[in-house]
Amino acid sequence: MKVLVFNTTTQNADLALLNGEQILIKRLETQAKHSESLLVEIENLLEQQNLSVLDLDYVGVSIGPGSFTGIRLSLAILKGFLTANKRLKAVGFTTLELMERCYESDEKLAFVMNALSGKYYVAYSGEEPFLCYDIGMIDKKIVGLLEEGLNIVDDYVELDGSKMLELVLEKIQKGQTSSDLSPLYLRNSQAEENFNANRKNE
């Protein structure tokens, strides 16, 4: 089985490639421009295993929430791959779902990401994410992304490419695949919110 997985919803982008028994993991650091480097790094990973997009069986991507640009980038690349390889299947996962997988705890927790403007993306363990306007309403231990460094959390988790691959493989085993994926934004972009605010003030 040949599986490519990537996440560009956070400051650091993570990539993973499974080719039979071979696993390759790559992280693109904060300073890298994902829009310029992601496709090149994907091609590099594939070339290291003498593969092309046509050889892949599955592609997994984070559908959000997180960076609007990152979400659009991942889904645009996925769409191109699906067009090129008609037998390819897509596997979607949320960024908060990945945070839970990387943290590995039996506790009932609240996983939180910064949604800006005093808002937060939240998902309780094993549940769907939602947009939170009042972090004080959360009565569980709060886990945030290490790279965001939010001071309202109780602990931090760092995303991990191998755990990301593990999550996608589990979804494949459960038959949770698709011929296409839709973005999970949960809120309007900052530009849209500014535009709407200006219209109200006119």
N, C-alpha and C. Protein backbone atom coordinates (compact mmCIF):
# COMPACT_ATOMS: atom_id res chain seq x y z
N MET A 1 0.84 -1.20 0.00
CA MET A 1 0.00 0.00 0.00
C MET A 1 0.88 1.25 0.00
N LYS A 2 0.46 2.23 -0.78
CA LYS A 2 1.22 3.47 -0.91
C LYS A 2 0.33 4.63 -0.50
N VAL A 3 0.73 5.32 0.56
CA VAL A 3 -0.10 6.37 1.16
C VAL A 3 0.72 7.63 1.39
N LEU A 4 0.21 8.75 0.90
CA LEU A 4 0.82 10.06 1.15
C LEU A 4 -0.10 10.87 2.06
N VAL A 5 0.47 11.52 3.07
CA VAL A 5 -0.32 12.31 4.01
C VAL A 5 0.37 13.65 4.23
N PHE A 6 -0.42 14.74 4.27
CA PHE A 6 0.19 16.03 4.60
C PHE A 6 -0.80 16.96 5.30
N ASN A 7 -0.23 17.85 6.10
CA ASN A 7 -1.01 18.82 6.87
C ASN A 7 -0.36 20.19 6.75
N THR A 8 -1.11 21.17 6.25
CA THR A 8 -0.59 22.54 6.13
C THR A 8 -1.49 23.55 6.86
N THR A 9 -2.23 23.07 7.85
CA THR A 9 -3.17 23.95 8.55
C THR A 9 -2.52 24.72 9.69
N THR A 10 -1.28 24.38 10.03
CA THR A 10 -0.57 25.04 11.13
C THR A 10 0.71 25.69 10.61
N GLN A 11 1.46 26.33 11.49
CA GLN A 11 2.67 27.04 11.07
C GLN A 11 3.68 26.10 10.43
N ASN A 12 3.84 24.92 11.01
CA ASN A 12 4.74 23.92 10.45
C ASN A 12 3.92 22.94 9.62
N ALA A 13 4.42 22.59 8.45
CA ALA A 13 3.75 21.61 7.61
C ALA A 13 4.41 20.25 7.79
N ASP A 14 3.58 19.21 7.90
CA ASP A 14 4.11 17.85 8.07
C ASP A 14 3.70 16.98 6.89
N LEU A 15 4.63 16.13 6.46
CA LEU A 15 4.38 15.20 5.37
C LEU A 15 4.81 13.81 5.80
N ALA A 16 4.09 12.80 5.30
CA ALA A 16 4.46 11.41 5.57
C ALA A 16 4.15 10.58 4.34
N LEU A 17 5.00 9.62 4.06
CA LEU A 17 4.81 8.73 2.92
C LEU A 17 5.03 7.29 3.37
N LEU A 18 4.05 6.44 3.09
CA LEU A 18 4.18 5.00 3.33
C LEU A 18 4.27 4.30 1.98
N ASN A 19 5.32 3.53 1.82
CA ASN A 19 5.50 2.73 0.60
C ASN A 19 5.82 1.31 1.03
N GLY A 20 4.77 0.50 1.17
CA GLY A 20 4.97 -0.85 1.69
C GLY A 20 5.42 -0.80 3.14
N GLU A 21 6.66 -1.21 3.40
CA GLU A 21 7.22 -1.17 4.75
C GLU A 21 8.05 0.09 4.99
N GLN A 22 8.26 0.89 3.95
CA GLN A 22 9.09 2.08 4.06
C GLN A 22 8.25 3.29 4.47
N ILE A 23 8.74 4.04 5.46
CA ILE A 23 8.06 5.25 5.93
C ILE A 23 9.02 6.43 5.89
N LEU A 24 8.59 7.51 5.24
CA LEU A 24 9.37 8.74 5.19
C LEU A 24 8.56 9.86 5.85
N ILE A 25 9.22 10.62 6.72
CA ILE A 25 8.58 11.73 7.42
C ILE A 25 9.35 13.01 7.13
N LYS A 26 8.64 14.10 6.88
CA LYS A 26 9.29 15.38 6.58
C LYS A 26 8.52 16.51 7.24
N ARG A 27 9.24 17.46 7.83
CA ARG A 27 8.62 18.67 8.40
C ARG A 27 9.16 19.90 7.69
N LEU A 28 8.24 20.79 7.30
CA LEU A 28 8.62 22.08 6.74
C LEU A 28 8.47 23.11 7.85
N GLU A 29 9.56 23.74 8.24
CA GLU A 29 9.55 24.62 9.40
C GLU A 29 8.77 25.91 9.16
N THR A 30 8.55 26.64 10.26
CA THR A 30 7.71 27.84 10.26
C THR A 30 8.08 28.83 9.17
N GLN A 31 9.38 29.03 8.95
CA GLN A 31 9.79 30.08 8.02
C GLN A 31 9.54 29.72 6.56
N ALA A 32 9.31 28.45 6.30
CA ALA A 32 9.09 28.02 4.92
C ALA A 32 7.72 28.48 4.43
N LYS A 33 7.64 28.90 3.18
CA LYS A 33 6.37 29.26 2.58
C LYS A 33 5.76 27.99 1.98
N HIS A 34 4.71 27.49 2.63
CA HIS A 34 4.14 26.22 2.22
C HIS A 34 3.69 26.22 0.78
N SER A 35 3.15 27.35 0.31
CA SER A 35 2.64 27.40 -1.05
C SER A 35 3.76 27.21 -2.09
N GLU A 36 4.98 27.58 -1.70
CA GLU A 36 6.11 27.46 -2.62
C GLU A 36 6.85 26.14 -2.47
N SER A 37 6.81 25.56 -1.28
CA SER A 37 7.66 24.40 -1.00
C SER A 37 6.94 23.07 -0.90
N LEU A 38 5.63 23.09 -0.63
CA LEU A 38 4.94 21.83 -0.35
C LEU A 38 4.98 20.86 -1.52
N LEU A 39 4.60 21.31 -2.70
CA LEU A 39 4.56 20.41 -3.86
C LEU A 39 5.94 19.88 -4.19
N VAL A 40 6.96 20.74 -4.05
CA VAL A 40 8.34 20.32 -4.31
C VAL A 40 8.75 19.23 -3.32
N GLU A 41 8.41 19.40 -2.05
CA GLU A 41 8.77 18.42 -1.03
C GLU A 41 8.02 17.11 -1.23
N ILE A 42 6.76 17.20 -1.66
CA ILE A 42 6.00 15.98 -1.97
C ILE A 42 6.68 15.22 -3.11
N GLU A 43 7.06 15.94 -4.14
CA GLU A 43 7.74 15.31 -5.28
C GLU A 43 9.06 14.68 -4.85
N ASN A 44 9.77 15.35 -3.94
CA ASN A 44 11.04 14.81 -3.45
C ASN A 44 10.83 13.50 -2.68
N LEU A 45 9.79 13.47 -1.83
CA LEU A 45 9.49 12.25 -1.08
C LEU A 45 9.17 11.10 -2.03
N LEU A 46 8.34 11.38 -3.02
CA LEU A 46 7.96 10.35 -3.98
C LEU A 46 9.16 9.85 -4.77
N GLU A 47 10.02 10.79 -5.20
CA GLU A 47 11.20 10.42 -5.98
C GLU A 47 12.16 9.55 -5.18
N GLN A 48 12.25 9.80 -3.87
CA GLN A 48 13.13 8.98 -3.02
C GLN A 48 12.72 7.51 -3.02
N GLN A 49 11.43 7.27 -3.29
CA GLN A 49 10.92 5.89 -3.35
C GLN A 49 10.61 5.45 -4.78
N ASN A 50 11.10 6.25 -5.76
CA ASN A 50 10.86 5.96 -7.18
C ASN A 50 9.37 5.83 -7.48
N LEU A 51 8.60 6.74 -6.90
CA LEU A 51 7.15 6.75 -7.08
C LEU A 51 6.70 8.03 -7.77
N SER A 52 5.48 7.99 -8.29
CA SER A 52 4.81 9.18 -8.79
C SER A 52 3.40 9.19 -8.21
N VAL A 53 2.66 10.25 -8.47
CA VAL A 53 1.28 10.35 -8.00
C VAL A 53 0.44 9.18 -8.52
N LEU A 54 0.76 8.70 -9.69
CA LEU A 54 0.00 7.60 -10.30
C LEU A 54 0.16 6.29 -9.54
N ASP A 55 1.20 6.20 -8.70
CA ASP A 55 1.44 4.98 -7.94
C ASP A 55 0.70 4.96 -6.60
N LEU A 56 0.20 6.11 -6.17
CA LEU A 56 -0.40 6.21 -4.84
C LEU A 56 -1.78 5.54 -4.79
N ASP A 57 -2.09 4.97 -3.63
CA ASP A 57 -3.40 4.38 -3.39
C ASP A 57 -4.31 5.32 -2.60
N TYR A 58 -3.72 6.05 -1.66
CA TYR A 58 -4.48 6.97 -0.81
C TYR A 58 -3.67 8.24 -0.56
N VAL A 59 -4.40 9.36 -0.42
CA VAL A 59 -3.80 10.61 0.03
C VAL A 59 -4.64 11.15 1.18
N GLY A 60 -3.99 11.41 2.32
CA GLY A 60 -4.67 11.96 3.47
C GLY A 60 -4.28 13.40 3.70
N VAL A 61 -5.25 14.26 3.99
CA VAL A 61 -4.96 15.67 4.26
C VAL A 61 -5.84 16.17 5.41
N SER A 62 -5.33 17.17 6.13
CA SER A 62 -6.15 17.83 7.14
C SER A 62 -7.08 18.80 6.43
N ILE A 63 -8.36 18.72 6.74
CA ILE A 63 -9.35 19.61 6.12
C ILE A 63 -9.59 20.86 6.95
N GLY A 64 -8.88 21.00 8.07
CA GLY A 64 -9.02 22.14 8.96
C GLY A 64 -9.43 21.67 10.35
N PRO A 65 -9.70 22.58 11.25
CA PRO A 65 -9.57 24.03 11.06
C PRO A 65 -8.09 24.45 11.15
N GLY A 66 -7.87 25.75 10.90
CA GLY A 66 -6.52 26.28 10.95
C GLY A 66 -6.34 27.35 9.89
N SER A 67 -5.14 27.43 9.35
CA SER A 67 -4.80 28.42 8.34
C SER A 67 -5.71 28.26 7.11
N PHE A 68 -6.42 29.33 6.74
CA PHE A 68 -7.29 29.27 5.57
C PHE A 68 -6.46 28.99 4.31
N THR A 69 -5.33 29.66 4.20
CA THR A 69 -4.45 29.45 3.04
C THR A 69 -3.94 28.02 3.00
N GLY A 70 -3.56 27.50 4.17
CA GLY A 70 -3.05 26.14 4.24
C GLY A 70 -4.09 25.11 3.87
N ILE A 71 -5.33 25.32 4.33
CA ILE A 71 -6.42 24.40 4.00
C ILE A 71 -6.66 24.39 2.49
N ARG A 72 -6.73 25.59 1.91
CA ARG A 72 -6.98 25.69 0.46
C ARG A 72 -5.84 25.04 -0.34
N LEU A 73 -4.61 25.24 0.14
CA LEU A 73 -3.45 24.68 -0.54
C LEU A 73 -3.51 23.16 -0.57
N SER A 74 -3.75 22.56 0.59
CA SER A 74 -3.80 21.09 0.68
C SER A 74 -4.90 20.52 -0.21
N LEU A 75 -6.08 21.13 -0.16
CA LEU A 75 -7.20 20.60 -0.93
C LEU A 75 -7.02 20.83 -2.44
N ALA A 76 -6.33 21.90 -2.80
CA ALA A 76 -6.05 22.14 -4.23
C ALA A 76 -5.08 21.09 -4.76
N ILE A 77 -4.05 20.79 -3.97
CA ILE A 77 -3.09 19.76 -4.39
C ILE A 77 -3.78 18.40 -4.45
N LEU A 78 -4.61 18.12 -3.44
CA LEU A 78 -5.36 16.86 -3.44
C LEU A 78 -6.23 16.74 -4.69
N LYS A 79 -6.93 17.82 -5.03
CA LYS A 79 -7.80 17.79 -6.20
C LYS A 79 -7.01 17.48 -7.47
N GLY A 80 -5.83 18.06 -7.58
CA GLY A 80 -4.97 17.79 -8.73
C GLY A 80 -4.55 16.34 -8.79
N PHE A 81 -4.22 15.78 -7.63
CA PHE A 81 -3.82 14.36 -7.57
C PHE A 81 -4.98 13.45 -7.94
N LEU A 82 -6.18 13.78 -7.46
CA LEU A 82 -7.36 12.96 -7.75
C LEU A 82 -7.71 13.00 -9.24
N THR A 83 -7.44 14.14 -9.87
CA THR A 83 -7.69 14.27 -11.30
C THR A 83 -6.69 13.43 -12.10
N ALA A 84 -5.44 13.42 -11.63
CA ALA A 84 -4.39 12.70 -12.34
C ALA A 84 -4.49 11.19 -12.14
N ASN A 85 -4.93 10.78 -10.96
CA ASN A 85 -4.99 9.35 -10.61
C ASN A 85 -6.43 9.00 -10.24
N LYS A 86 -7.17 8.44 -11.18
CA LYS A 86 -8.60 8.20 -11.01
C LYS A 86 -8.92 7.14 -9.95
N ARG A 87 -7.98 6.27 -9.62
CA ARG A 87 -8.26 5.23 -8.62
C ARG A 87 -7.84 5.69 -7.22
N LEU A 88 -7.30 6.88 -7.11
CA LEU A 88 -6.84 7.40 -5.82
C LEU A 88 -8.02 7.70 -4.90
N LYS A 89 -7.87 7.37 -3.61
CA LYS A 89 -8.89 7.67 -2.61
C LYS A 89 -8.35 8.72 -1.63
N ALA A 90 -9.25 9.62 -1.20
CA ALA A 90 -8.88 10.68 -0.26
C ALA A 90 -9.30 10.30 1.15
N VAL A 91 -8.50 10.73 2.11
CA VAL A 91 -8.79 10.50 3.53
C VAL A 91 -8.65 11.83 4.25
N GLY A 92 -9.73 12.30 4.84
CA GLY A 92 -9.69 13.58 5.55
C GLY A 92 -9.63 13.39 7.05
N PHE A 93 -8.94 14.31 7.71
CA PHE A 93 -8.90 14.33 9.17
C PHE A 93 -8.84 15.79 9.61
N THR A 94 -9.28 16.07 10.84
CA THR A 94 -9.22 17.44 11.35
C THR A 94 -7.91 17.66 12.11
N THR A 95 -7.49 18.89 12.18
CA THR A 95 -6.25 19.22 12.90
C THR A 95 -6.39 18.90 14.38
N LEU A 96 -7.57 19.13 14.94
CA LEU A 96 -7.81 18.84 16.35
C LEU A 96 -7.82 17.33 16.61
N GLU A 97 -8.30 16.58 15.66
CA GLU A 97 -8.27 15.11 15.73
C GLU A 97 -6.82 14.64 15.76
N LEU A 98 -5.98 15.28 14.96
CA LEU A 98 -4.55 14.94 14.94
C LEU A 98 -3.89 15.31 16.26
N MET A 99 -4.27 16.45 16.84
CA MET A 99 -3.74 16.84 18.14
C MET A 99 -4.05 15.77 19.19
N GLU A 100 -5.28 15.27 19.17
CA GLU A 100 -5.68 14.23 20.13
C GLU A 100 -4.84 12.98 19.93
N ARG A 101 -4.62 12.58 18.69
CA ARG A 101 -3.82 11.39 18.41
C ARG A 101 -2.38 11.56 18.91
N CYS A 102 -1.83 12.75 18.74
CA CYS A 102 -0.45 12.99 19.15
C CYS A 102 -0.29 13.09 20.67
N TYR A 103 -1.36 13.52 21.36
CA TYR A 103 -1.26 13.70 22.82
C TYR A 103 -1.37 12.37 23.56
N GLU A 104 -2.14 11.46 23.06
CA GLU A 104 -2.27 10.10 23.61
C GLU A 104 -2.59 10.10 25.11
N SER A 105 -3.84 10.27 25.42
CA SER A 105 -4.30 10.25 26.81
C SER A 105 -5.68 9.62 26.88
N ASP A 106 -5.95 8.93 27.98
CA ASP A 106 -7.27 8.34 28.20
C ASP A 106 -8.24 9.32 28.85
N GLU A 107 -7.73 10.50 29.23
CA GLU A 107 -8.58 11.51 29.84
C GLU A 107 -9.53 12.12 28.82
N LYS A 108 -10.63 12.66 29.30
CA LYS A 108 -11.53 13.45 28.47
C LYS A 108 -10.99 14.87 28.46
N LEU A 109 -10.44 15.31 27.33
CA LEU A 109 -9.73 16.58 27.24
C LEU A 109 -10.39 17.53 26.25
N ALA A 110 -9.97 18.78 26.31
CA ALA A 110 -10.39 19.78 25.33
C ALA A 110 -9.15 20.20 24.54
N PHE A 111 -9.16 19.96 23.25
CA PHE A 111 -8.04 20.36 22.38
C PHE A 111 -8.39 21.69 21.73
N VAL A 112 -7.47 22.64 21.80
CA VAL A 112 -7.77 24.02 21.44
C VAL A 112 -6.72 24.60 20.49
N MET A 113 -7.20 25.34 19.48
CA MET A 113 -6.34 26.09 18.57
C MET A 113 -6.81 27.54 18.55
N ASN A 114 -5.89 28.43 18.29
CA ASN A 114 -6.20 29.86 18.21
C ASN A 114 -6.92 30.17 16.90
N ALA A 115 -8.15 30.70 17.00
CA ALA A 115 -8.91 31.09 15.81
C ALA A 115 -8.86 32.59 15.59
N LEU A 116 -8.06 33.30 16.40
CA LEU A 116 -7.85 34.75 16.32
C LEU A 116 -9.10 35.52 16.76
N SER A 117 -8.89 36.80 17.03
CA SER A 117 -9.98 37.70 17.44
C SER A 117 -10.74 37.20 18.67
N GLY A 118 -10.01 36.56 19.60
CA GLY A 118 -10.63 36.09 20.82
C GLY A 118 -11.45 34.83 20.67
N LYS A 119 -11.32 34.16 19.53
CA LYS A 119 -12.07 32.92 19.29
C LYS A 119 -11.09 31.73 19.29
N TYR A 120 -11.67 30.55 19.51
CA TYR A 120 -10.85 29.34 19.57
C TYR A 120 -11.56 28.19 18.87
N TYR A 121 -10.78 27.37 18.18
CA TYR A 121 -11.29 26.11 17.66
C TYR A 121 -11.13 25.08 18.77
N VAL A 122 -12.19 24.36 19.07
CA VAL A 122 -12.17 23.42 20.19
C VAL A 122 -12.77 22.08 19.76
N ALA A 123 -12.19 21.00 20.28
CA ALA A 123 -12.78 19.67 20.12
C ALA A 123 -12.52 18.88 21.40
N TYR A 124 -13.58 18.36 21.99
CA TYR A 124 -13.41 17.45 23.11
C TYR A 124 -13.00 16.09 22.57
N SER A 125 -12.31 15.33 23.38
CA SER A 125 -11.80 14.01 22.97
C SER A 125 -12.88 13.19 22.27
N GLY A 126 -12.59 12.77 21.04
CA GLY A 126 -13.50 11.92 20.29
C GLY A 126 -14.71 12.60 19.73
N GLU A 127 -14.78 13.94 19.80
CA GLU A 127 -15.95 14.67 19.33
C GLU A 127 -15.59 15.64 18.20
N GLU A 128 -16.62 16.17 17.54
CA GLU A 128 -16.43 17.07 16.42
C GLU A 128 -15.99 18.46 16.90
N PRO A 129 -15.18 19.16 16.11
CA PRO A 129 -14.72 20.50 16.51
C PRO A 129 -15.81 21.55 16.37
N PHE A 130 -15.67 22.62 17.17
CA PHE A 130 -16.60 23.74 17.10
C PHE A 130 -15.85 25.03 17.38
N LEU A 131 -16.49 26.16 17.09
CA LEU A 131 -15.90 27.47 17.33
C LEU A 131 -16.36 27.96 18.69
N CYS A 132 -15.41 28.34 19.55
CA CYS A 132 -15.69 28.75 20.92
C CYS A 132 -15.38 30.24 21.10
N TYR A 133 -16.33 30.97 21.66
CA TYR A 133 -16.16 32.40 21.90
C TYR A 133 -15.76 32.70 23.35
N ASP A 134 -15.91 31.72 24.23
CA ASP A 134 -15.60 31.91 25.65
C ASP A 134 -14.86 30.68 26.16
N ILE A 135 -13.54 30.79 26.26
CA ILE A 135 -12.74 29.64 26.68
C ILE A 135 -13.05 29.26 28.13
N GLY A 136 -13.65 30.19 28.89
CA GLY A 136 -13.99 29.93 30.28
C GLY A 136 -15.10 28.91 30.44
N MET A 137 -15.82 28.63 29.36
CA MET A 137 -16.91 27.65 29.42
C MET A 137 -16.39 26.23 29.44
N ILE A 138 -15.12 26.03 29.13
CA ILE A 138 -14.55 24.69 29.06
C ILE A 138 -14.17 24.23 30.47
N ASP A 139 -14.73 23.10 30.89
CA ASP A 139 -14.49 22.60 32.24
C ASP A 139 -13.59 21.38 32.26
N LYS A 140 -12.82 21.19 31.19
CA LYS A 140 -11.89 20.07 31.11
C LYS A 140 -10.46 20.58 30.94
N LYS A 141 -9.50 19.71 31.15
CA LYS A 141 -8.11 20.06 30.92
C LYS A 141 -7.94 20.49 29.47
N ILE A 142 -7.28 21.63 29.25
CA ILE A 142 -7.14 22.20 27.91
C ILE A 142 -5.73 21.93 27.37
N VAL A 143 -5.68 21.38 26.17
CA VAL A 143 -4.40 21.10 25.51
C VAL A 143 -4.31 21.93 24.24
N GLY A 144 -3.24 22.70 24.10
CA GLY A 144 -3.04 23.55 22.94
C GLY A 144 -1.84 23.13 22.12
N LEU A 145 -1.70 23.72 20.96
CA LEU A 145 -0.56 23.44 20.09
C LEU A 145 0.70 24.10 20.65
N LEU A 146 1.77 23.35 20.71
CA LEU A 146 3.04 23.88 21.22
C LEU A 146 3.49 25.09 20.41
N GLU A 147 3.34 25.02 19.09
CA GLU A 147 3.83 26.10 18.23
C GLU A 147 3.04 27.39 18.42
N GLU A 148 1.80 27.31 18.92
CA GLU A 148 1.00 28.52 19.14
C GLU A 148 1.31 29.16 20.49
N GLY A 149 1.64 28.34 21.50
CA GLY A 149 2.03 28.86 22.80
C GLY A 149 0.95 29.64 23.53
N LEU A 150 -0.30 29.25 23.37
CA LEU A 150 -1.40 29.94 24.06
C LEU A 150 -1.21 29.84 25.57
N ASN A 151 -1.45 30.97 26.27
CA ASN A 151 -1.25 30.97 27.72
C ASN A 151 -2.50 30.58 28.51
N ILE A 152 -3.56 30.17 27.81
CA ILE A 152 -4.80 29.80 28.48
C ILE A 152 -4.94 28.29 28.59
N VAL A 153 -3.92 27.55 28.17
CA VAL A 153 -4.01 26.09 28.16
C VAL A 153 -3.28 25.49 29.36
N ASP A 154 -3.60 24.22 29.65
CA ASP A 154 -2.96 23.50 30.76
C ASP A 154 -1.75 22.71 30.31
N ASP A 155 -1.70 22.35 29.03
CA ASP A 155 -0.59 21.58 28.51
C ASP A 155 -0.51 21.78 27.00
N TYR A 156 0.59 21.33 26.43
CA TYR A 156 0.81 21.51 25.00
C TYR A 156 1.07 20.17 24.31
N VAL A 157 0.80 20.14 23.02
CA VAL A 157 1.11 18.97 22.21
C VAL A 157 1.78 19.43 20.92
N GLU A 158 2.75 18.66 20.46
CA GLU A 158 3.42 18.94 19.19
C GLU A 158 2.95 17.92 18.17
N LEU A 159 2.58 18.38 16.99
CA LEU A 159 2.12 17.47 15.94
C LEU A 159 3.28 16.60 15.45
N ASP A 160 2.94 15.40 15.05
CA ASP A 160 3.95 14.41 14.70
C ASP A 160 3.56 13.71 13.41
N GLY A 161 4.46 13.69 12.44
CA GLY A 161 4.17 13.10 11.14
C GLY A 161 3.84 11.62 11.20
N SER A 162 4.51 10.89 12.09
CA SER A 162 4.26 9.45 12.18
C SER A 162 2.88 9.18 12.77
N LYS A 163 2.45 10.01 13.73
CA LYS A 163 1.12 9.87 14.31
C LYS A 163 0.05 10.26 13.28
N MET A 164 0.37 11.24 12.45
CA MET A 164 -0.53 11.65 11.38
C MET A 164 -0.77 10.49 10.41
N LEU A 165 0.30 9.81 10.03
CA LEU A 165 0.19 8.65 9.15
C LEU A 165 -0.61 7.54 9.82
N GLU A 166 -0.34 7.33 11.11
CA GLU A 166 -1.05 6.30 11.88
C GLU A 166 -2.56 6.57 11.89
N LEU A 167 -2.93 7.84 12.07
CA LEU A 167 -4.34 8.23 12.08
C LEU A 167 -5.01 7.93 10.74
N VAL A 168 -4.35 8.26 9.65
CA VAL A 168 -4.90 8.03 8.32
C VAL A 168 -5.01 6.54 8.01
N LEU A 169 -4.03 5.77 8.40
CA LEU A 169 -4.08 4.32 8.17
C LEU A 169 -5.26 3.69 8.92
N GLU A 170 -5.52 4.21 10.12
CA GLU A 170 -6.66 3.71 10.90
C GLU A 170 -7.98 4.02 10.17
N LYS A 171 -8.08 5.21 9.59
CA LYS A 171 -9.27 5.60 8.85
C LYS A 171 -9.44 4.73 7.59
N ILE A 172 -8.32 4.41 6.94
CA ILE A 172 -8.38 3.55 5.76
C ILE A 172 -8.92 2.17 6.14
N GLN A 173 -8.44 1.65 7.26
CA GLN A 173 -8.89 0.34 7.73
C GLN A 173 -10.39 0.34 8.04
N LYS A 174 -10.90 1.50 8.49
CA LYS A 174 -12.32 1.63 8.81
C LYS A 174 -13.17 1.96 7.59
N GLY A 175 -12.51 2.12 6.44
CA GLY A 175 -13.24 2.44 5.22
C GLY A 175 -13.66 3.88 5.12
N GLN A 176 -13.01 4.76 5.87
CA GLN A 176 -13.37 6.18 5.89
C GLN A 176 -12.60 6.94 4.81
N THR A 177 -12.90 6.59 3.56
CA THR A 177 -12.25 7.23 2.42
C THR A 177 -13.30 7.89 1.55
N SER A 178 -12.83 8.73 0.62
CA SER A 178 -13.76 9.49 -0.23
C SER A 178 -13.13 9.76 -1.58
N SER A 179 -13.98 10.17 -2.52
CA SER A 179 -13.48 10.57 -3.84
C SER A 179 -13.18 12.06 -3.87
N ASP A 180 -13.50 12.77 -2.78
CA ASP A 180 -13.26 14.21 -2.68
C ASP A 180 -13.40 14.63 -1.22
N LEU A 181 -12.89 15.81 -0.87
CA LEU A 181 -12.99 16.32 0.50
C LEU A 181 -13.41 17.79 0.47
N SER A 182 -14.09 18.21 1.51
CA SER A 182 -14.50 19.62 1.65
C SER A 182 -13.78 20.25 2.83
N PRO A 183 -13.50 21.55 2.76
CA PRO A 183 -12.79 22.23 3.85
C PRO A 183 -13.65 22.40 5.09
N LEU A 184 -12.99 22.43 6.25
CA LEU A 184 -13.66 22.70 7.52
C LEU A 184 -13.08 24.01 8.07
N TYR A 185 -13.77 25.11 7.80
CA TYR A 185 -13.28 26.42 8.21
C TYR A 185 -13.76 26.82 9.61
N LEU A 186 -15.04 26.56 9.92
CA LEU A 186 -15.69 26.90 11.19
C LEU A 186 -15.95 28.39 11.39
N ARG A 187 -15.23 29.25 10.69
CA ARG A 187 -15.45 30.69 10.80
C ARG A 187 -15.08 31.35 9.48
N ASN A 188 -15.53 32.61 9.32
CA ASN A 188 -15.11 33.39 8.15
C ASN A 188 -13.64 33.76 8.28
N SER A 189 -13.01 34.00 7.16
CA SER A 189 -11.63 34.47 7.20
C SER A 189 -11.58 35.87 7.81
N GLN A 190 -10.40 36.31 8.24
CA GLN A 190 -10.26 37.63 8.84
C GLN A 190 -10.65 38.72 7.86
N ALA A 191 -10.32 38.52 6.59
CA ALA A 191 -10.68 39.49 5.56
C ALA A 191 -12.19 39.61 5.42
N GLU A 192 -12.88 38.46 5.46
CA GLU A 192 -14.34 38.47 5.36
C GLU A 192 -14.97 39.14 6.57
N GLU A 193 -14.41 38.87 7.76
CA GLU A 193 -14.96 39.48 8.98
C GLU A 193 -14.74 40.99 8.97
N ASN A 194 -13.57 41.43 8.49
CA ASN A 194 -13.30 42.87 8.40
C ASN A 194 -14.24 43.53 7.41
N PHE A 195 -14.49 42.85 6.28
CA PHE A 195 -15.39 43.39 5.26
C PHE A 195 -16.81 43.53 5.82
N ASN A 196 -17.27 42.50 6.51
CA ASN A 196 -18.62 42.53 7.08
C ASN A 196 -18.74 43.61 8.16
N ALA A 197 -17.67 43.79 8.95
CA ALA A 197 -17.68 44.81 9.99
C ALA A 197 -17.74 46.22 9.37
N ASN A 198 -17.01 46.42 8.28
CA ASN A 198 -17.01 47.72 7.61
C ASN A 198 -18.38 48.01 7.00
N ARG A 199 -19.05 46.98 6.48
CA ARG A 199 -20.38 47.18 5.90
C ARG A 199 -21.39 47.60 6.97
N LYS A 200 -21.24 47.02 8.17
CA LYS A 200 -22.15 47.36 9.26
C LYS A 200 -21.97 48.81 9.71
N ASN A 201 -20.72 49.30 9.58
CA ASN A 201 -20.41 50.65 10.03
C ASN A 201 -20.76 51.72 9.00
N GLU A 202 -21.10 51.28 7.80
CA GLU A 202 -21.42 52.27 6.75
C GLU A 202 -22.77 52.92 6.99
